[in-house]
Amino acid sequence: MPRRAAPTGQQRQHRSVGRRSKAEGLPDGLTVDADGFLWLAVWGRSQVRRYDPLRRPVATTFLPTPNVSSCTFRWPELSALFLTTAAMDIPPEDAGRRQAGSAFVIPTVGQGRTRQVFPAPSQ
């Protein structure tokens, strides 16, 4: 299983959400909510997906443009999910091009986590 360094310098195991084919969309930005569910922006599929801690998809929200690039909960309330999109690689005739590059908000979709600040490495 892959390992990564924790802020303390100790190594921790991390898990993959799973492999996806290009036809399923490409994973892009992500965030984690207060319940430990992962929210994943899916590039090329007009959606953001929510996965439970066991990596099972539990919800999908569709957007009117294909390239969803990132997601985060709004600070300080952390109760609305903000999504960014991109116009890159969208053909001019695609109906989703008109709203590409816009930001979207899904109000009261869940509760985000408070941010974690990691200490700077000591000199």
N, C-alpha and C. Protein backbone atom coordinates (compact mmCIF):
# COMPACT_ATOMS: atom_id res chain seq x y z
N MET A 1 0.85 -1.18 0.00
CA MET A 1 0.00 0.00 0.00
C MET A 1 0.89 1.24 0.00
N PRO A 2 0.54 2.27 -0.78
CA PRO A 2 1.37 3.48 -0.82
C PRO A 2 1.45 4.15 0.55
N ARG A 3 2.54 4.84 0.77
CA ARG A 3 2.73 5.55 2.03
C ARG A 3 3.05 7.00 1.73
N ARG A 4 2.76 7.86 2.69
CA ARG A 4 3.15 9.25 2.57
C ARG A 4 3.55 9.76 3.93
N ALA A 5 4.32 10.82 3.95
CA ALA A 5 4.78 11.38 5.21
C ALA A 5 3.67 12.23 5.83
N ALA A 6 3.43 12.05 7.09
CA ALA A 6 2.48 12.87 7.84
C ALA A 6 3.20 14.15 8.26
N PRO A 7 2.47 15.18 8.70
CA PRO A 7 3.13 16.42 9.11
C PRO A 7 4.18 16.23 10.20
N THR A 8 4.04 15.17 10.98
CA THR A 8 5.00 14.92 12.04
C THR A 8 6.27 14.27 11.52
N GLY A 9 6.28 13.90 10.24
CA GLY A 9 7.44 13.21 9.67
C GLY A 9 7.27 11.70 9.67
N GLN A 10 6.28 11.20 10.41
CA GLN A 10 6.01 9.76 10.42
C GLN A 10 5.28 9.39 9.14
N GLN A 11 5.45 8.16 8.71
CA GLN A 11 4.76 7.72 7.51
C GLN A 11 3.41 7.13 7.88
N ARG A 12 2.42 7.41 7.01
CA ARG A 12 1.08 6.86 7.21
C ARG A 12 0.64 6.20 5.92
N GLN A 13 -0.22 5.20 6.04
CA GLN A 13 -0.77 4.59 4.85
C GLN A 13 -1.91 5.45 4.34
N HIS A 14 -2.09 5.46 3.03
CA HIS A 14 -3.26 6.11 2.47
C HIS A 14 -3.88 5.19 1.43
N ARG A 15 -5.15 5.40 1.18
CA ARG A 15 -5.88 4.52 0.28
C ARG A 15 -6.31 5.27 -0.96
N SER A 16 -6.42 4.54 -2.03
CA SER A 16 -6.91 5.09 -3.28
C SER A 16 -8.43 5.02 -3.28
N VAL A 17 -9.07 6.01 -3.90
CA VAL A 17 -10.53 5.95 -4.07
C VAL A 17 -10.86 4.87 -5.08
N GLY A 18 -9.91 4.53 -5.92
CA GLY A 18 -10.11 3.50 -6.92
C GLY A 18 -9.71 4.02 -8.29
N ARG A 19 -9.43 3.12 -9.17
CA ARG A 19 -9.05 3.51 -10.53
C ARG A 19 -10.30 3.79 -11.34
N ARG A 20 -10.19 4.77 -12.20
CA ARG A 20 -11.29 5.16 -13.06
C ARG A 20 -10.80 5.21 -14.49
N SER A 21 -11.67 4.88 -15.43
CA SER A 21 -11.30 5.00 -16.83
C SER A 21 -11.60 6.42 -17.30
N LYS A 22 -10.99 6.81 -18.41
CA LYS A 22 -11.22 8.15 -18.94
C LYS A 22 -12.70 8.35 -19.27
N ALA A 23 -13.37 7.28 -19.68
CA ALA A 23 -14.81 7.37 -20.00
C ALA A 23 -15.64 7.73 -18.77
N GLU A 24 -15.15 7.39 -17.58
CA GLU A 24 -15.85 7.73 -16.34
C GLU A 24 -15.54 9.14 -15.86
N GLY A 25 -14.67 9.83 -16.56
CA GLY A 25 -14.23 11.15 -16.15
C GLY A 25 -12.93 11.04 -15.37
N LEU A 26 -12.21 12.14 -15.33
CA LEU A 26 -10.93 12.15 -14.64
C LEU A 26 -11.07 12.86 -13.29
N PRO A 27 -10.55 12.26 -12.22
CA PRO A 27 -10.62 12.92 -10.93
C PRO A 27 -9.79 14.19 -10.95
N ASP A 28 -10.32 15.24 -10.36
CA ASP A 28 -9.58 16.50 -10.30
C ASP A 28 -9.53 16.93 -8.85
N GLY A 29 -10.05 18.11 -8.51
CA GLY A 29 -9.97 18.59 -7.13
C GLY A 29 -10.85 17.79 -6.19
N LEU A 30 -10.50 17.83 -4.91
CA LEU A 30 -11.32 17.12 -3.93
C LEU A 30 -11.26 17.81 -2.58
N THR A 31 -12.23 17.45 -1.73
CA THR A 31 -12.26 17.93 -0.36
C THR A 31 -12.91 16.84 0.49
N VAL A 32 -12.78 16.96 1.80
CA VAL A 32 -13.35 16.00 2.72
C VAL A 32 -14.28 16.74 3.66
N ASP A 33 -15.47 16.15 3.93
CA ASP A 33 -16.41 16.82 4.82
C ASP A 33 -16.24 16.35 6.26
N ALA A 34 -17.02 16.92 7.16
CA ALA A 34 -16.89 16.64 8.59
C ALA A 34 -17.19 15.19 8.94
N ASP A 35 -17.94 14.48 8.08
CA ASP A 35 -18.27 13.08 8.32
C ASP A 35 -17.23 12.12 7.72
N GLY A 36 -16.17 12.68 7.13
CA GLY A 36 -15.14 11.84 6.54
C GLY A 36 -15.46 11.39 5.13
N PHE A 37 -16.49 11.97 4.52
CA PHE A 37 -16.84 11.65 3.14
C PHE A 37 -15.99 12.50 2.21
N LEU A 38 -15.56 11.91 1.11
CA LEU A 38 -14.74 12.60 0.13
C LEU A 38 -15.62 13.13 -0.99
N TRP A 39 -15.42 14.38 -1.36
CA TRP A 39 -16.11 15.02 -2.48
C TRP A 39 -15.09 15.16 -3.60
N LEU A 40 -15.41 14.64 -4.78
CA LEU A 40 -14.46 14.60 -5.89
C LEU A 40 -15.04 15.30 -7.12
N ALA A 41 -14.34 16.33 -7.60
CA ALA A 41 -14.70 17.01 -8.85
C ALA A 41 -14.26 16.09 -9.99
N VAL A 42 -15.16 15.85 -10.95
CA VAL A 42 -14.87 14.93 -12.04
C VAL A 42 -14.79 15.68 -13.36
N TRP A 43 -13.59 15.80 -13.89
CA TRP A 43 -13.31 16.50 -15.14
C TRP A 43 -13.87 15.69 -16.31
N GLY A 44 -14.64 16.35 -17.16
CA GLY A 44 -15.15 15.71 -18.37
C GLY A 44 -16.49 15.01 -18.20
N ARG A 45 -17.06 15.01 -16.99
CA ARG A 45 -18.34 14.31 -16.76
C ARG A 45 -19.41 15.19 -16.13
N SER A 46 -19.17 16.49 -16.00
CA SER A 46 -20.18 17.43 -15.49
C SER A 46 -20.66 17.10 -14.08
N GLN A 47 -19.77 16.63 -13.23
CA GLN A 47 -20.26 16.20 -11.92
C GLN A 47 -19.24 16.31 -10.80
N VAL A 48 -19.80 16.29 -9.59
CA VAL A 48 -19.02 16.12 -8.37
C VAL A 48 -19.63 14.91 -7.68
N ARG A 49 -18.78 14.03 -7.18
CA ARG A 49 -19.25 12.79 -6.54
C ARG A 49 -18.86 12.80 -5.07
N ARG A 50 -19.70 12.17 -4.27
CA ARG A 50 -19.42 12.02 -2.84
C ARG A 50 -19.21 10.53 -2.55
N TYR A 51 -18.11 10.22 -1.85
CA TYR A 51 -17.77 8.84 -1.50
C TYR A 51 -17.76 8.70 0.02
N ASP A 52 -18.27 7.56 0.51
CA ASP A 52 -18.23 7.32 1.95
C ASP A 52 -16.82 6.87 2.35
N PRO A 53 -16.56 6.75 3.66
CA PRO A 53 -15.21 6.37 4.10
C PRO A 53 -14.76 4.99 3.61
N LEU A 54 -15.70 4.16 3.14
CA LEU A 54 -15.34 2.86 2.59
C LEU A 54 -15.14 2.91 1.08
N ARG A 55 -15.09 4.14 0.53
CA ARG A 55 -14.83 4.40 -0.89
C ARG A 55 -16.01 4.04 -1.80
N ARG A 56 -17.19 3.97 -1.25
CA ARG A 56 -18.38 3.70 -2.06
C ARG A 56 -19.02 5.01 -2.47
N PRO A 57 -19.39 5.16 -3.76
CA PRO A 57 -20.07 6.39 -4.17
C PRO A 57 -21.47 6.44 -3.55
N VAL A 58 -21.82 7.58 -2.94
CA VAL A 58 -23.12 7.70 -2.29
C VAL A 58 -23.97 8.82 -2.89
N ALA A 59 -23.37 9.72 -3.65
CA ALA A 59 -24.14 10.81 -4.25
C ALA A 59 -23.38 11.38 -5.45
N THR A 60 -24.13 11.83 -6.44
CA THR A 60 -23.57 12.51 -7.60
C THR A 60 -24.41 13.74 -7.87
N THR A 61 -23.75 14.88 -8.04
CA THR A 61 -24.43 16.12 -8.40
C THR A 61 -23.92 16.54 -9.77
N PHE A 62 -24.85 16.85 -10.67
CA PHE A 62 -24.49 17.22 -12.03
C PHE A 62 -24.47 18.73 -12.21
N LEU A 63 -23.56 19.20 -13.03
CA LEU A 63 -23.44 20.62 -13.35
C LEU A 63 -23.69 20.81 -14.85
N PRO A 64 -24.01 22.03 -15.28
CA PRO A 64 -24.35 22.26 -16.69
C PRO A 64 -23.15 22.45 -17.61
N THR A 65 -21.97 22.08 -17.18
CA THR A 65 -20.76 22.20 -17.99
C THR A 65 -19.85 21.02 -17.65
N PRO A 66 -19.08 20.51 -18.61
CA PRO A 66 -18.39 19.23 -18.39
C PRO A 66 -17.17 19.24 -17.47
N ASN A 67 -16.37 20.29 -17.47
CA ASN A 67 -15.09 20.23 -16.77
C ASN A 67 -15.16 20.84 -15.37
N VAL A 68 -15.49 20.00 -14.41
CA VAL A 68 -15.52 20.42 -13.01
C VAL A 68 -14.11 20.23 -12.48
N SER A 69 -13.52 21.31 -11.98
CA SER A 69 -12.10 21.27 -11.65
C SER A 69 -11.77 21.21 -10.17
N SER A 70 -12.62 21.74 -9.31
CA SER A 70 -12.28 21.75 -7.89
C SER A 70 -13.53 21.94 -7.05
N CYS A 71 -13.43 21.57 -5.77
CA CYS A 71 -14.54 21.75 -4.85
C CYS A 71 -13.99 22.02 -3.45
N THR A 72 -14.73 22.85 -2.71
CA THR A 72 -14.34 23.16 -1.34
C THR A 72 -15.56 23.68 -0.59
N PHE A 73 -15.55 23.52 0.71
CA PHE A 73 -16.63 24.08 1.53
C PHE A 73 -16.30 25.52 1.88
N ARG A 74 -17.32 26.35 1.89
CA ARG A 74 -17.14 27.78 2.14
C ARG A 74 -16.82 28.05 3.60
N TRP A 75 -15.84 28.88 3.78
CA TRP A 75 -15.42 29.29 5.12
C TRP A 75 -16.14 30.56 5.49
N PRO A 76 -16.63 30.84 6.69
CA PRO A 76 -16.41 30.09 7.91
C PRO A 76 -17.53 29.10 8.24
N GLU A 77 -18.70 29.20 7.60
CA GLU A 77 -19.81 28.32 7.96
C GLU A 77 -19.59 26.88 7.54
N LEU A 78 -18.91 26.67 6.42
CA LEU A 78 -18.58 25.34 5.89
C LEU A 78 -19.82 24.51 5.57
N SER A 79 -20.90 25.16 5.17
CA SER A 79 -22.13 24.42 4.89
C SER A 79 -22.52 24.44 3.42
N ALA A 80 -21.78 25.15 2.59
CA ALA A 80 -22.06 25.19 1.16
C ALA A 80 -20.83 24.72 0.41
N LEU A 81 -21.06 23.90 -0.61
CA LEU A 81 -19.96 23.39 -1.42
C LEU A 81 -19.78 24.28 -2.64
N PHE A 82 -18.59 24.81 -2.81
CA PHE A 82 -18.26 25.66 -3.95
C PHE A 82 -17.51 24.83 -4.98
N LEU A 83 -17.88 24.99 -6.25
CA LEU A 83 -17.27 24.22 -7.34
C LEU A 83 -16.75 25.17 -8.40
N THR A 84 -15.58 24.88 -8.93
CA THR A 84 -15.06 25.65 -10.05
C THR A 84 -15.06 24.77 -11.29
N THR A 85 -15.18 25.42 -12.45
CA THR A 85 -15.19 24.71 -13.72
C THR A 85 -14.22 25.39 -14.68
N ALA A 86 -13.95 24.74 -15.80
CA ALA A 86 -13.02 25.28 -16.78
C ALA A 86 -13.59 25.15 -18.19
N ALA A 87 -13.17 26.08 -19.05
CA ALA A 87 -13.62 26.07 -20.45
C ALA A 87 -12.66 25.29 -21.35
N MET A 88 -11.55 24.88 -20.84
CA MET A 88 -10.53 24.19 -21.61
C MET A 88 -11.08 22.91 -22.25
N ASP A 89 -10.72 22.68 -23.51
CA ASP A 89 -11.06 21.45 -24.24
C ASP A 89 -12.55 21.24 -24.48
N ILE A 90 -13.36 22.29 -24.44
CA ILE A 90 -14.78 22.16 -24.72
C ILE A 90 -15.03 22.71 -26.13
N PRO A 91 -15.55 21.88 -27.04
CA PRO A 91 -15.80 22.36 -28.41
C PRO A 91 -16.82 23.50 -28.42
N PRO A 92 -16.69 24.44 -29.37
CA PRO A 92 -17.61 25.59 -29.42
C PRO A 92 -19.08 25.19 -29.53
N GLU A 93 -19.37 24.05 -30.14
CA GLU A 93 -20.77 23.64 -30.32
C GLU A 93 -21.36 22.96 -29.08
N ASP A 94 -20.55 22.67 -28.07
CA ASP A 94 -21.02 22.01 -26.86
C ASP A 94 -21.89 22.97 -26.05
N ALA A 95 -23.07 22.51 -25.66
CA ALA A 95 -24.01 23.34 -24.89
C ALA A 95 -23.42 23.78 -23.55
N GLY A 96 -22.53 23.00 -22.99
CA GLY A 96 -21.93 23.34 -21.70
C GLY A 96 -20.88 24.43 -21.77
N ARG A 97 -20.49 24.82 -22.97
CA ARG A 97 -19.44 25.84 -23.12
C ARG A 97 -19.89 27.19 -22.57
N ARG A 98 -21.16 27.50 -22.67
CA ARG A 98 -21.65 28.81 -22.24
C ARG A 98 -21.39 29.07 -20.76
N GLN A 99 -21.49 28.06 -19.93
CA GLN A 99 -21.28 28.25 -18.49
C GLN A 99 -19.90 27.76 -18.02
N ALA A 100 -19.10 27.28 -18.95
CA ALA A 100 -17.76 26.81 -18.60
C ALA A 100 -16.93 27.96 -18.05
N GLY A 101 -16.16 27.66 -17.04
CA GLY A 101 -15.34 28.68 -16.38
C GLY A 101 -16.07 29.36 -15.24
N SER A 102 -17.31 29.00 -15.01
CA SER A 102 -18.10 29.59 -13.93
C SER A 102 -17.83 28.86 -12.61
N ALA A 103 -18.18 29.52 -11.54
CA ALA A 103 -18.17 28.90 -10.21
C ALA A 103 -19.62 28.61 -9.84
N PHE A 104 -19.85 27.50 -9.14
CA PHE A 104 -21.18 27.09 -8.74
C PHE A 104 -21.19 26.85 -7.23
N VAL A 105 -22.37 26.95 -6.64
CA VAL A 105 -22.53 26.72 -5.20
C VAL A 105 -23.67 25.74 -5.00
N ILE A 106 -23.43 24.75 -4.16
CA ILE A 106 -24.48 23.83 -3.73
C ILE A 106 -24.70 24.13 -2.25
N PRO A 107 -25.78 24.84 -1.91
CA PRO A 107 -25.99 25.23 -0.51
C PRO A 107 -26.45 24.04 0.35
N THR A 108 -26.08 24.07 1.58
CA THR A 108 -26.49 23.09 2.61
C THR A 108 -26.40 21.65 2.14
N VAL A 109 -25.30 21.29 1.51
CA VAL A 109 -25.11 19.93 1.02
C VAL A 109 -24.46 19.04 2.08
N GLY A 110 -23.84 19.63 3.04
CA GLY A 110 -23.14 18.89 4.08
C GLY A 110 -22.41 19.87 4.96
N GLN A 111 -21.50 19.36 5.74
CA GLN A 111 -20.72 20.21 6.62
C GLN A 111 -19.25 19.95 6.36
N GLY A 112 -18.51 21.00 6.02
CA GLY A 112 -17.08 20.85 5.79
C GLY A 112 -16.31 20.75 7.09
N ARG A 113 -15.06 20.42 6.97
CA ARG A 113 -14.16 20.35 8.12
C ARG A 113 -13.49 21.70 8.31
N THR A 114 -13.12 21.98 9.53
CA THR A 114 -12.32 23.18 9.75
C THR A 114 -10.95 22.92 9.16
N ARG A 115 -10.32 23.97 8.70
CA ARG A 115 -9.03 23.79 8.05
C ARG A 115 -7.97 23.40 9.05
N GLN A 116 -6.99 22.67 8.56
CA GLN A 116 -5.88 22.26 9.38
C GLN A 116 -4.64 23.02 8.91
N VAL A 117 -3.95 23.59 9.84
CA VAL A 117 -2.73 24.32 9.52
C VAL A 117 -1.57 23.49 9.99
N PHE A 118 -0.67 23.19 9.07
CA PHE A 118 0.50 22.39 9.40
C PHE A 118 1.66 23.31 9.71
N PRO A 119 2.43 22.99 10.72
CA PRO A 119 3.57 23.86 11.07
C PRO A 119 4.64 23.82 9.97
N ALA A 120 5.32 24.93 9.82
CA ALA A 120 6.44 24.99 8.88
C ALA A 120 7.57 24.14 9.41
N PRO A 121 8.33 23.52 8.53
CA PRO A 121 9.46 22.72 9.00
C PRO A 121 10.45 23.59 9.77
N SER A 122 11.00 23.04 10.81
CA SER A 122 11.98 23.81 11.60
C SER A 122 13.28 23.92 10.82
N GLN A 123 13.94 25.04 10.98
CA GLN A 123 15.17 25.31 10.24
C GLN A 123 16.35 24.63 10.87
